Amino acid sequence: MYGDLLFRDGQRGLDRFFFFGGWVVAFSGIPALNRYLKANHLREGILKTFVILFIVGCLAVPGPIVSLVKVFDGTAQPVNYRQAALSLTLIYIALTILSRIAEPKDYVLERLASRIRRAAVFRVLANVTGIFAVVAFLGARFVATHPVPLISTGLTLVVAAAVVTHKTFARARKLCTQIHTDTQTLLRDLDELDHVRSRSTAGKPKSWFPRLRGEREAGGDHADERMAALRTWDAVKLGLSTPVDTGYRRIGLAFLTNDVVAELEAKVQAAVHGGSADPARADLRAIQRACSGRVDVLA
């Protein structure tokens, strides 16, 4: 990137040295990178995140950063604002689309804490770059003719970026708090259901037909407890399907993928209808651990 900047400034000697030297260093580090990624199965998702950040960096250095330096130096021209606006627009598109596509689809529950963090951070970066793209576009159009109104408009948009940032993180905290609460309620309902079943089977004589006995015990004897657990699961499922970063589902990242939610629902249904509740409890506790660091009852 530094070699590209030197090329733009007309320094034809050093630009090639830094440009090709940077690529040589990058390719030399690939074997070490592969060893690092293979040491832990969860690290493979880091590479996708790094690729997104690398693309963002390639787009940010030539336009916005150089333009920002020239703004502070007082040498910025309308063409610099246009370059910054184009780069920021591309960054906004990249963060909005690529961040969702590159999100790892495996080991979702193990990656859940980082998934929530990435969703919020990338959404904030996308919103901020989008707002500053508007500022740069206005600068390219009005910096020479209406500089004073442009300053007040730019400051207003900067305040808007701060507000959007606060709302995004507040949304993530509120969703995590709600899911943590509903998940805890579901765990209590499953414990109550197991307690009632064990208490009812303790006082009954042993049946010579285990299959019929299991069907009878999983039937209407504990209908109230089973319905309570299913109603709580409905609330949990709504939270798990809600986007973390924005209310727009087309561009938002859901708390969990549809496949993971369907798998968890099958485990909960099996636990409610007489099967073992241990698989469902393990997944629910994993969700709680991911949410515990973002619980905020006042969000």
C-alpha atoms as a PDB file:
ATOM      1  CA  MET A   1       0.000   0.000   0.000  1.00  0.00           C
ATOM      2  CA  TYR A   2       2.869   2.345   0.766  1.00  0.00           C
ATOM      3  CA  GLY A   3       4.411   1.542  -2.616  1.00  0.00           C
ATOM      4  CA  ASP A   4       1.113   2.429  -4.274  1.00  0.00           C
ATOM      5  CA  LEU A   5       1.147   5.798  -2.501  1.00  0.00           C
ATOM      6  CA  LEU A   6       4.694   6.442  -3.684  1.00  0.00           C
ATOM      7  CA  PHE A   7       3.637   5.602  -7.238  1.00  0.00           C
ATOM      8  CA  ARG A   8       0.801   8.121  -7.007  1.00  0.00           C
ATOM      9  CA  ASP A   9       3.278  10.768  -5.841  1.00  0.00           C
ATOM     10  CA  GLY A  10       5.549  10.101  -8.829  1.00  0.00           C
ATOM     11  CA  GLN A  11       8.399   8.373  -6.976  1.00  0.00           C
ATOM     12  CA  ARG A  12       9.048   5.655  -9.542  1.00  0.00           C
ATOM     13  CA  GLY A  13      12.073   4.127  -7.847  1.00  0.00           C
ATOM     14  CA  LEU A  14      10.978   3.286  -4.325  1.00  0.00           C
ATOM     15  CA  ASP A  15       7.413   2.413  -5.288  1.00  0.00           C
ATOM     16  CA  ARG A  16       8.406  -0.837  -7.011  1.00  0.00           C
ATOM     17  CA  PHE A  17      10.699  -1.817  -4.138  1.00  0.00           C
ATOM     18  CA  PHE A  18       7.978  -1.455  -1.478  1.00  0.00           C
ATOM     19  CA  PHE A  19       5.221  -2.860  -3.684  1.00  0.00           C
ATOM     20  CA  PHE A  20       6.962  -6.079  -4.741  1.00  0.00           C
ATOM     21  CA  GLY A  21       8.830  -6.384  -1.448  1.00  0.00           C
ATOM     22  CA  GLY A  22       5.516  -6.328   0.408  1.00  0.00           C
ATOM     23  CA  TRP A  23       4.166  -9.166  -1.713  1.00  0.00           C
ATOM     24  CA  VAL A  24       7.344 -11.212  -1.178  1.00  0.00           C
ATOM     25  CA  VAL A  25       7.002 -10.812   2.596  1.00  0.00           C
ATOM     26  CA  ALA A  26       3.299 -11.699   2.406  1.00  0.00           C
ATOM     27  CA  PHE A  27       3.886 -14.927   0.442  1.00  0.00           C
ATOM     28  CA  SER A  28       6.804 -15.874   2.698  1.00  0.00           C
ATOM     29  CA  GLY A  29       4.465 -15.835   5.677  1.00  0.00           C
ATOM     30  CA  ILE A  30       1.893 -18.222   4.165  1.00  0.00           C
ATOM     31  CA  PRO A  31       3.479 -21.444   5.571  1.00  0.00           C
ATOM     32  CA  ALA A  32       3.572 -19.989   9.077  1.00  0.00           C
ATOM     33  CA  LEU A  33      -0.017 -18.836   8.649  1.00  0.00           C
ATOM     34  CA  ASN A  34      -1.122 -22.342   7.640  1.00  0.00           C
ATOM     35  CA  ARG A  35       0.544 -23.858  10.708  1.00  0.00           C
ATOM     36  CA  TYR A  36      -1.145 -21.303  12.929  1.00  0.00           C
ATOM     37  CA  LEU A  37      -4.590 -21.955  11.428  1.00  0.00           C
ATOM     38  CA  LYS A  38      -4.320 -25.746  11.603  1.00  0.00           C
ATOM     39  CA  ALA A  39      -3.301 -25.670  15.265  1.00  0.00           C
ATOM     40  CA  ASN A  40      -6.901 -24.854  16.246  1.00  0.00           C
ATOM     41  CA  HIS A  41     -10.014 -25.647  14.211  1.00  0.00           C
ATOM     42  CA  LEU A  42     -11.610 -22.363  15.296  1.00  0.00           C
ATOM     43  CA  ARG A  43      -8.789 -20.293  13.819  1.00  0.00           C
ATOM     44  CA  GLU A  44      -9.809 -21.011  10.230  1.00  0.00           C
ATOM     45  CA  GLY A  45     -12.536 -18.388  10.544  1.00  0.00           C
ATOM     46  CA  ILE A  46      -9.894 -15.783  11.409  1.00  0.00           C
ATOM     47  CA  LEU A  47      -8.531 -15.945   7.861  1.00  0.00           C
ATOM     48  CA  LYS A  48     -11.856 -14.815   6.393  1.00  0.00           C
ATOM     49  CA  THR A  49     -12.021 -11.915   8.814  1.00  0.00           C
ATOM     50  CA  PHE A  50      -8.435 -10.987   7.955  1.00  0.00           C
ATOM     51  CA  VAL A  51      -9.260 -11.001   4.229  1.00  0.00           C
ATOM     52  CA  ILE A  52     -12.140  -8.584   4.838  1.00  0.00           C
ATOM     53  CA  LEU A  53      -9.929  -6.267   6.885  1.00  0.00           C
ATOM     54  CA  PHE A  54      -7.214  -6.469   4.231  1.00  0.00           C
ATOM     55  CA  ILE A  55      -9.682  -5.429   1.525  1.00  0.00           C
ATOM     56  CA  VAL A  56     -10.899  -2.588   3.724  1.00  0.00           C
ATOM     57  CA  GLY A  57      -7.306  -1.480   4.313  1.00  0.00           C
ATOM     58  CA  CYS A  58      -6.503  -1.529   0.592  1.00  0.00           C
ATOM     59  CA  LEU A  59      -9.517   0.674  -0.053  1.00  0.00           C
ATOM     60  CA  ALA A  60      -8.911   2.984   2.911  1.00  0.00           C
ATOM     61  CA  VAL A  61      -5.252   3.912   2.459  1.00  0.00           C
ATOM     62  CA  PRO A  62      -5.326   5.433  -1.058  1.00  0.00           C
ATOM     63  CA  GLY A  63      -8.498   7.468  -0.531  1.00  0.00           C
ATOM     64  CA  PRO A  64      -9.792   8.360   2.951  1.00  0.00           C
ATOM     65  CA  ILE A  65      -6.516   8.312   4.880  1.00  0.00           C
ATOM     66  CA  VAL A  66      -4.591  10.374   2.357  1.00  0.00           C
ATOM     67  CA  SER A  67      -7.508  12.774   2.017  1.00  0.00           C
ATOM     68  CA  LEU A  68      -7.768  13.108   5.801  1.00  0.00           C
ATOM     69  CA  VAL A  69      -4.083  13.999   6.027  1.00  0.00           C
ATOM     70  CA  LYS A  70      -4.513  16.644   3.359  1.00  0.00           C
ATOM     71  CA  VAL A  71      -7.586  18.036   5.135  1.00  0.00           C
ATOM     72  CA  PHE A  72      -5.531  18.579   8.300  1.00  0.00           C
ATOM     73  CA  ASP A  73      -2.744  20.083   6.211  1.00  0.00           C
ATOM     74  CA  GLY A  74      -5.186  22.436   4.499  1.00  0.00           C
ATOM     75  CA  THR A  75      -4.193  21.201   1.038  1.00  0.00           C
ATOM     76  CA  ALA A  76      -7.273  19.084   0.250  1.00  0.00           C
ATOM     77  CA  GLN A  77      -8.875  19.574  -3.139  1.00  0.00           C
ATOM     78  CA  PRO A  78     -12.321  18.476  -4.404  1.00  0.00           C
ATOM     79  CA  VAL A  79     -10.684  15.555  -6.228  1.00  0.00           C
ATOM     80  CA  ASN A  80      -9.406  14.240  -2.889  1.00  0.00           C
ATOM     81  CA  TYR A  81     -12.926  14.322  -1.466  1.00  0.00           C
ATOM     82  CA  ARG A  82     -14.214  12.432  -4.509  1.00  0.00           C
ATOM     83  CA  GLN A  83     -11.573   9.747  -4.073  1.00  0.00           C
ATOM     84  CA  ALA A  84     -12.434   9.446  -0.395  1.00  0.00           C
ATOM     85  CA  ALA A  85     -16.159   9.224  -1.149  1.00  0.00           C
ATOM     86  CA  LEU A  86     -15.612   6.436  -3.696  1.00  0.00           C
ATOM     87  CA  SER A  87     -13.327   4.460  -1.368  1.00  0.00           C
ATOM     88  CA  LEU A  88     -15.681   4.827   1.612  1.00  0.00           C
ATOM     89  CA  THR A  89     -18.634   3.712  -0.501  1.00  0.00           C
ATOM     90  CA  LEU A  90     -16.741   0.590  -1.573  1.00  0.00           C
ATOM     91  CA  ILE A  91     -15.777  -0.076   2.048  1.00  0.00           C
ATOM     92  CA  TYR A  92     -19.424   0.231   3.105  1.00  0.00           C
ATOM     93  CA  ILE A  93     -20.487  -2.276   0.448  1.00  0.00           C
ATOM     94  CA  ALA A  94     -17.660  -4.650   1.359  1.00  0.00           C
ATOM     95  CA  LEU A  95     -18.456  -4.581   5.077  1.00  0.00           C
ATOM     96  CA  THR A  96     -22.187  -4.963   4.475  1.00  0.00           C
ATOM     97  CA  ILE A  97     -22.008  -7.869   2.028  1.00  0.00           C
ATOM     98  CA  LEU A  98     -18.679  -9.632   2.536  1.00  0.00           C
ATOM     99  CA  SER A  99     -18.858  -9.709   6.323  1.00  0.00           C
ATOM    100  CA  ARG A 100     -22.061 -11.742   6.169  1.00  0.00           C
ATOM    101  CA  ILE A 101     -20.803 -14.056   3.418  1.00  0.00           C
ATOM    102  CA  ALA A 102     -17.462 -14.677   5.115  1.00  0.00           C
ATOM    103  CA  GLU A 103     -18.967 -15.460   8.528  1.00  0.00           C
ATOM    104  CA  PRO A 104     -17.919 -19.043   9.449  1.00  0.00           C
ATOM    105  CA  LYS A 105     -20.745 -21.568   9.196  1.00  0.00           C
ATOM    106  CA  ASP A 106     -19.100 -24.325  11.258  1.00  0.00           C
ATOM    107  CA  TYR A 107     -18.784 -24.588  15.040  1.00  0.00           C
ATOM    108  CA  VAL A 108     -21.301 -21.773  15.380  1.00  0.00           C
ATOM    109  CA  LEU A 109     -21.954 -22.296  19.075  1.00  0.00           C
ATOM    110  CA  GLU A 110     -18.240 -22.358  19.879  1.00  0.00           C
ATOM    111  CA  ARG A 111     -17.729 -19.180  17.852  1.00  0.00           C
ATOM    112  CA  LEU A 112     -20.886 -17.504  19.174  1.00  0.00           C
ATOM    113  CA  ALA A 113     -19.192 -14.920  21.406  1.00  0.00           C
ATOM    114  CA  SER A 114     -16.902 -13.778  18.589  1.00  0.00           C
ATOM    115  CA  ARG A 115     -19.808 -13.978  16.120  1.00  0.00           C
ATOM    116  CA  ILE A 116     -21.769 -11.442  18.185  1.00  0.00           C
ATOM    117  CA  ARG A 117     -18.721  -9.199  18.501  1.00  0.00           C
ATOM    118  CA  ARG A 118     -17.943  -9.340  14.770  1.00  0.00           C
ATOM    119  CA  ALA A 119     -21.541  -8.583  13.836  1.00  0.00           C
ATOM    120  CA  ALA A 120     -21.653  -5.468  16.020  1.00  0.00           C
ATOM    121  CA  VAL A 121     -18.177  -4.201  15.082  1.00  0.00           C
ATOM    122  CA  PHE A 122     -18.598  -4.694  11.333  1.00  0.00           C
ATOM    123  CA  ARG A 123     -22.028  -3.042  11.430  1.00  0.00           C
ATOM    124  CA  VAL A 124     -20.595  -0.040  13.262  1.00  0.00           C
ATOM    125  CA  LEU A 125     -17.720   0.232  10.787  1.00  0.00           C
ATOM    126  CA  ALA A 126     -20.132  -0.039   7.864  1.00  0.00           C
ATOM    127  CA  ASN A 127     -22.459   2.623   9.254  1.00  0.00           C
ATOM    128  CA  VAL A 128     -19.609   4.998  10.075  1.00  0.00           C
ATOM    129  CA  THR A 129     -17.998   4.594   6.660  1.00  0.00           C
ATOM    130  CA  GLY A 130     -21.352   5.123   4.976  1.00  0.00           C
ATOM    131  CA  ILE A 131     -21.929   8.349   6.882  1.00  0.00           C
ATOM    132  CA  PHE A 132     -18.427   9.604   6.166  1.00  0.00           C
ATOM    133  CA  ALA A 133     -18.907   8.720   2.497  1.00  0.00           C
ATOM    134  CA  VAL A 134     -21.802  11.192   2.505  1.00  0.00           C
ATOM    135  CA  VAL A 135     -19.562  13.778   4.209  1.00  0.00           C
ATOM    136  CA  ALA A 136     -16.855  13.261   1.577  1.00  0.00           C
ATOM    137  CA  PHE A 137     -19.384  13.542  -1.249  1.00  0.00           C
ATOM    138  CA  LEU A 138     -20.706  16.804   0.164  1.00  0.00           C
ATOM    139  CA  GLY A 139     -17.131  18.022   0.552  1.00  0.00           C
ATOM    140  CA  ALA A 140     -16.366  17.288  -3.098  1.00  0.00           C
ATOM    141  CA  ARG A 141     -19.451  19.209  -4.147  1.00  0.00           C
ATOM    142  CA  PHE A 142     -19.533  22.193  -1.781  1.00  0.00           C
ATOM    143  CA  VAL A 143     -16.079  22.667  -0.200  1.00  0.00           C
ATOM    144  CA  ALA A 144     -15.137  25.374  -2.696  1.00  0.00           C
ATOM    145  CA  THR A 145     -18.465  27.235  -2.717  1.00  0.00           C
ATOM    146  CA  HIS A 146     -20.088  26.722   0.708  1.00  0.00           C
ATOM    147  CA  PRO A 147     -17.377  25.775   3.229  1.00  0.00           C
ATOM    148  CA  VAL A 148     -19.118  27.108   6.362  1.00  0.00           C
ATOM    149  CA  PRO A 149     -22.455  25.231   5.946  1.00  0.00           C
ATOM    150  CA  LEU A 150     -20.440  22.162   4.995  1.00  0.00           C
ATOM    151  CA  ILE A 151     -18.626  22.240   8.341  1.00  0.00           C
ATOM    152  CA  SER A 152     -21.872  22.327  10.335  1.00  0.00           C
ATOM    153  CA  THR A 153     -23.373  19.576   8.169  1.00  0.00           C
ATOM    154  CA  GLY A 154     -20.291  17.435   8.620  1.00  0.00           C
ATOM    155  CA  LEU A 155     -20.361  17.848  12.393  1.00  0.00           C
ATOM    156  CA  THR A 156     -24.039  16.866  12.426  1.00  0.00           C
ATOM    157  CA  LEU A 157     -23.260  13.681  10.506  1.00  0.00           C
ATOM    158  CA  VAL A 158     -20.388  12.896  12.873  1.00  0.00           C
ATOM    159  CA  VAL A 159     -22.814  13.117  15.794  1.00  0.00           C
ATOM    160  CA  ALA A 160     -25.180  10.854  13.863  1.00  0.00           C
ATOM    161  CA  ALA A 161     -22.362   8.313  13.478  1.00  0.00           C
ATOM    162  CA  ALA A 162     -21.820   8.344  17.252  1.00  0.00           C
ATOM    163  CA  VAL A 163     -25.535   7.796  17.862  1.00  0.00           C
ATOM    164  CA  VAL A 164     -25.693   4.924  15.382  1.00  0.00           C
ATOM    165  CA  THR A 165     -22.667   3.316  17.030  1.00  0.00           C
ATOM    166  CA  HIS A 166     -24.288   3.513  20.454  1.00  0.00           C
ATOM    167  CA  LYS A 167     -27.569   2.053  19.194  1.00  0.00           C
ATOM    168  CA  THR A 168     -25.844  -0.866  17.480  1.00  0.00           C
ATOM    169  CA  PHE A 169     -23.979  -1.969  20.604  1.00  0.00           C
ATOM    170  CA  ALA A 170     -27.077  -1.331  22.733  1.00  0.00           C
ATOM    171  CA  ARG A 171     -29.091  -3.580  20.420  1.00  0.00           C
ATOM    172  CA  ALA A 172     -26.525  -6.377  20.783  1.00  0.00           C
ATOM    173  CA  ARG A 173     -26.542  -6.064  24.588  1.00  0.00           C
ATOM    174  CA  LYS A 174     -30.326  -6.001  24.748  1.00  0.00           C
ATOM    175  CA  LEU A 175     -30.654  -9.075  22.535  1.00  0.00           C
ATOM    176  CA  CYS A 176     -28.049 -10.981  24.553  1.00  0.00           C
ATOM    177  CA  THR A 177     -29.816 -10.066  27.788  1.00  0.00           C
ATOM    178  CA  GLN A 178     -33.178 -11.242  26.467  1.00  0.00           C
ATOM    179  CA  ILE A 179     -31.766 -14.520  25.140  1.00  0.00           C
ATOM    180  CA  HIS A 180     -29.878 -15.154  28.386  1.00  0.00           C
ATOM    181  CA  THR A 181     -33.073 -14.633  30.393  1.00  0.00           C
ATOM    182  CA  ASP A 182     -35.245 -16.818  28.137  1.00  0.00           C
ATOM    183  CA  THR A 183     -32.598 -19.543  28.013  1.00  0.00           C
ATOM    184  CA  GLN A 184     -32.386 -19.606  31.801  1.00  0.00           C
ATOM    185  CA  THR A 185     -36.175 -19.924  31.999  1.00  0.00           C
ATOM    186  CA  LEU A 186     -36.113 -22.814  29.533  1.00  0.00           C
ATOM    187  CA  LEU A 187     -33.454 -24.604  31.570  1.00  0.00           C
ATOM    188  CA  ARG A 188     -35.609 -24.185  34.685  1.00  0.00           C
ATOM    189  CA  ASP A 189     -38.626 -25.568  32.811  1.00  0.00           C
ATOM    190  CA  LEU A 190     -36.651 -28.614  31.664  1.00  0.00           C
ATOM    191  CA  ASP A 191     -35.451 -29.196  35.231  1.00  0.00           C
ATOM    192  CA  GLU A 192     -39.011 -28.954  36.500  1.00  0.00           C
ATOM    193  CA  LEU A 193     -40.193 -31.380  33.856  1.00  0.00           C
ATOM    194  CA  ASP A 194     -37.504 -33.902  34.780  1.00  0.00           C
ATOM    195  CA  HIS A 195     -38.307 -33.487  38.472  1.00  0.00           C
ATOM    196  CA  VAL A 196     -42.017 -34.141  37.933  1.00  0.00           C
ATOM    197  CA  ARG A 197     -41.309 -37.168  35.764  1.00  0.00           C
ATOM    198  CA  SER A 198     -38.883 -38.682  38.268  1.00  0.00           C
ATOM    199  CA  ARG A 199     -41.311 -38.072  41.114  1.00  0.00           C
ATOM    200  CA  SER A 200     -44.213 -39.652  39.241  1.00  0.00           C
ATOM    201  CA  THR A 201     -42.263 -42.714  38.153  1.00  0.00           C
ATOM    202  CA  ALA A 202     -40.874 -43.288  41.649  1.00  0.00           C
ATOM    203  CA  GLY A 203     -44.292 -44.173  43.079  1.00  0.00           C
ATOM    204  CA  LYS A 204     -45.500 -46.369  40.210  1.00  0.00           C
ATOM    205  CA  PRO A 205     -45.020 -50.130  39.945  1.00  0.00           C
ATOM    206  CA  LYS A 206     -42.665 -51.380  37.285  1.00  0.00           C
ATOM    207  CA  SER A 207     -44.410 -52.218  34.024  1.00  0.00           C
ATOM    208  CA  TRP A 208     -43.678 -55.327  31.986  1.00  0.00           C
ATOM    209  CA  PHE A 209     -44.037 -53.216  28.843  1.00  0.00           C
ATOM    210  CA  PRO A 210     -41.321 -50.500  28.963  1.00  0.00           C
ATOM    211  CA  ARG A 211     -42.332 -49.007  25.644  1.00  0.00           C
ATOM    212  CA  LEU A 212     -45.941 -48.509  26.711  1.00  0.00           C
ATOM    213  CA  ARG A 213     -44.786 -47.152  30.060  1.00  0.00           C
ATOM    214  CA  GLY A 214     -42.502 -44.578  28.404  1.00  0.00           C
ATOM    215  CA  GLU A 215     -45.272 -43.450  26.050  1.00  0.00           C
ATOM    216  CA  ARG A 216     -47.699 -43.080  28.958  1.00  0.00           C
ATOM    217  CA  GLU A 217     -45.219 -41.089  31.049  1.00  0.00           C
ATOM    218  CA  ALA A 218     -44.380 -38.814  28.091  1.00  0.00           C
ATOM    219  CA  GLY A 219     -48.045 -38.343  27.313  1.00  0.00           C
ATOM    220  CA  GLY A 220     -50.662 -36.280  29.064  1.00  0.00           C
ATOM    221  CA  ASP A 221     -49.462 -36.865  32.631  1.00  0.00           C
ATOM    222  CA  HIS A 222     -47.265 -33.739  32.556  1.00  0.00           C
ATOM    223  CA  ALA A 223     -49.013 -31.647  29.942  1.00  0.00           C
ATOM    224  CA  ASP A 224     -48.693 -28.378  31.877  1.00  0.00           C
ATOM    225  CA  GLU A 225     -44.939 -28.697  32.343  1.00  0.00           C
ATOM    226  CA  ARG A 226     -44.415 -29.739  28.731  1.00  0.00           C
ATOM    227  CA  MET A 227     -46.460 -26.822  27.402  1.00  0.00           C
ATOM    228  CA  ALA A 228     -44.566 -24.396  29.649  1.00  0.00           C
ATOM    229  CA  ALA A 229     -41.249 -25.651  28.244  1.00  0.00           C
ATOM    230  CA  LEU A 230     -42.517 -25.384  24.659  1.00  0.00           C
ATOM    231  CA  ARG A 231     -43.807 -21.838  25.202  1.00  0.00           C
ATOM    232  CA  THR A 232     -40.441 -20.829  26.624  1.00  0.00           C
ATOM    233  CA  TRP A 233     -38.694 -22.409  23.658  1.00  0.00           C
ATOM    234  CA  ASP A 234     -40.848 -20.332  21.316  1.00  0.00           C
ATOM    235  CA  ALA A 235     -39.507 -17.182  22.998  1.00  0.00           C
ATOM    236  CA  VAL A 236     -35.929 -18.473  22.829  1.00  0.00           C
ATOM    237  CA  LYS A 237     -36.291 -19.342  19.142  1.00  0.00           C
ATOM    238  CA  LEU A 238     -37.467 -15.829  18.298  1.00  0.00           C
ATOM    239  CA  GLY A 239     -34.367 -14.372  19.924  1.00  0.00           C
ATOM    240  CA  LEU A 240     -32.012 -16.837  18.246  1.00  0.00           C
ATOM    241  CA  SER A 241     -33.423 -15.917  14.819  1.00  0.00           C
ATOM    242  CA  THR A 242     -33.153 -12.153  15.398  1.00  0.00           C
ATOM    243  CA  PRO A 243     -30.285 -10.246  13.711  1.00  0.00           C
ATOM    244  CA  VAL A 244     -27.674  -9.001  16.154  1.00  0.00           C
ATOM    245  CA  ASP A 245     -26.587  -5.826  14.404  1.00  0.00           C
ATOM    246  CA  THR A 246     -29.657  -4.423  12.639  1.00  0.00           C
ATOM    247  CA  GLY A 247     -33.359  -4.974  12.210  1.00  0.00           C
ATOM    248  CA  TYR A 248     -32.995  -5.365   8.439  1.00  0.00           C
ATOM    249  CA  ARG A 249     -32.735  -9.109   7.879  1.00  0.00           C
ATOM    250  CA  ARG A 250     -31.381  -8.769   4.347  1.00  0.00           C
ATOM    251  CA  ILE A 251     -28.147  -7.240   5.575  1.00  0.00           C
ATOM    252  CA  GLY A 252     -28.185  -8.271   9.232  1.00  0.00           C
ATOM    253  CA  LEU A 253     -26.462 -11.271  10.795  1.00  0.00           C
ATOM    254  CA  ALA A 254     -28.785 -13.550  12.746  1.00  0.00           C
ATOM    255  CA  PHE A 255     -27.815 -14.561  16.272  1.00  0.00           C
ATOM    256  CA  LEU A 256     -27.595 -18.189  15.114  1.00  0.00           C
ATOM    257  CA  THR A 257     -27.871 -19.802  11.708  1.00  0.00           C
ATOM    258  CA  ASN A 258     -31.094 -21.529  10.691  1.00  0.00           C
ATOM    259  CA  ASP A 259     -29.435 -24.957  10.741  1.00  0.00           C
ATOM    260  CA  VAL A 260     -28.216 -24.544  14.314  1.00  0.00           C
ATOM    261  CA  VAL A 261     -31.623 -23.282  15.465  1.00  0.00           C
ATOM    262  CA  ALA A 262     -33.356 -26.255  13.814  1.00  0.00           C
ATOM    263  CA  GLU A 263     -30.894 -28.680  15.411  1.00  0.00           C
ATOM    264  CA  LEU A 264     -31.405 -27.115  18.835  1.00  0.00           C
ATOM    265  CA  GLU A 265     -35.177 -27.217  18.381  1.00  0.00           C
ATOM    266  CA  ALA A 266     -35.011 -30.945  17.665  1.00  0.00           C
ATOM    267  CA  LYS A 267     -33.042 -31.483  20.890  1.00  0.00           C
ATOM    268  CA  VAL A 268     -35.520 -29.434  22.923  1.00  0.00           C
ATOM    269  CA  GLN A 269     -38.478 -31.271  21.399  1.00  0.00           C
ATOM    270  CA  ALA A 270     -36.863 -34.603  22.215  1.00  0.00           C
ATOM    271  CA  ALA A 271     -36.259 -33.507  25.811  1.00  0.00           C
ATOM    272  CA  VAL A 272     -39.836 -32.307  26.221  1.00  0.00           C
ATOM    273  CA  HIS A 273     -41.336 -35.514  24.837  1.00  0.00           C
ATOM    274  CA  GLY A 274     -39.442 -37.916  27.034  1.00  0.00           C
ATOM    275  CA  GLY A 275     -35.914 -38.055  25.639  1.00  0.00           C
ATOM    276  CA  SER A 276     -32.671 -37.027  27.291  1.00  0.00           C
ATOM    277  CA  ALA A 277     -32.376 -33.310  28.001  1.00  0.00           C
ATOM    278  CA  ASP A 278     -28.574 -33.314  28.289  1.00  0.00           C
ATOM    279  CA  PRO A 279     -27.861 -32.383  24.609  1.00  0.00           C
ATOM    280  CA  ALA A 280     -30.317 -29.479  24.785  1.00  0.00           C
ATOM    281  CA  ARG A 281     -28.906 -28.311  28.123  1.00  0.00           C
ATOM    282  CA  ALA A 282     -25.350 -28.343  26.761  1.00  0.00           C
ATOM    283  CA  ASP A 283     -26.280 -26.113  23.808  1.00  0.00           C
ATOM    284  CA  LEU A 284     -28.373 -23.783  25.950  1.00  0.00           C
ATOM    285  CA  ARG A 285     -25.550 -23.337  28.439  1.00  0.00           C
ATOM    286  CA  ALA A 286     -23.155 -22.609  25.565  1.00  0.00           C
ATOM    287  CA  ILE A 287     -25.511 -19.852  24.431  1.00  0.00           C
ATOM    288  CA  GLN A 288     -25.647 -18.485  27.975  1.00  0.00           C
ATOM    289  CA  ARG A 289     -21.864 -18.384  28.234  1.00  0.00           C
ATOM    290  CA  ALA A 290     -21.652 -16.423  24.986  1.00  0.00           C
ATOM    291  CA  CYS A 291     -24.249 -13.928  26.221  1.00  0.00           C
ATOM    292  CA  SER A 292     -23.037 -13.602  29.807  1.00  0.00           C
ATOM    293  CA  GLY A 293     -20.413 -10.979  28.992  1.00  0.00           C
ATOM    294  CA  ARG A 294     -23.010  -8.702  27.348  1.00  0.00           C
ATOM    295  CA  VAL A 295     -25.857  -8.937  29.831  1.00  0.00           C
ATOM    296  CA  ASP A 296     -27.238  -5.476  30.569  1.00  0.00           C
ATOM    297  CA  VAL A 297     -30.677  -5.305  32.161  1.00  0.00           C
ATOM    298  CA  LEU A 298     -30.791  -1.542  31.585  1.00  0.00           C
ATOM    299  CA  ALA A 299     -29.995  -1.658  27.854  1.00  0.00           C
END
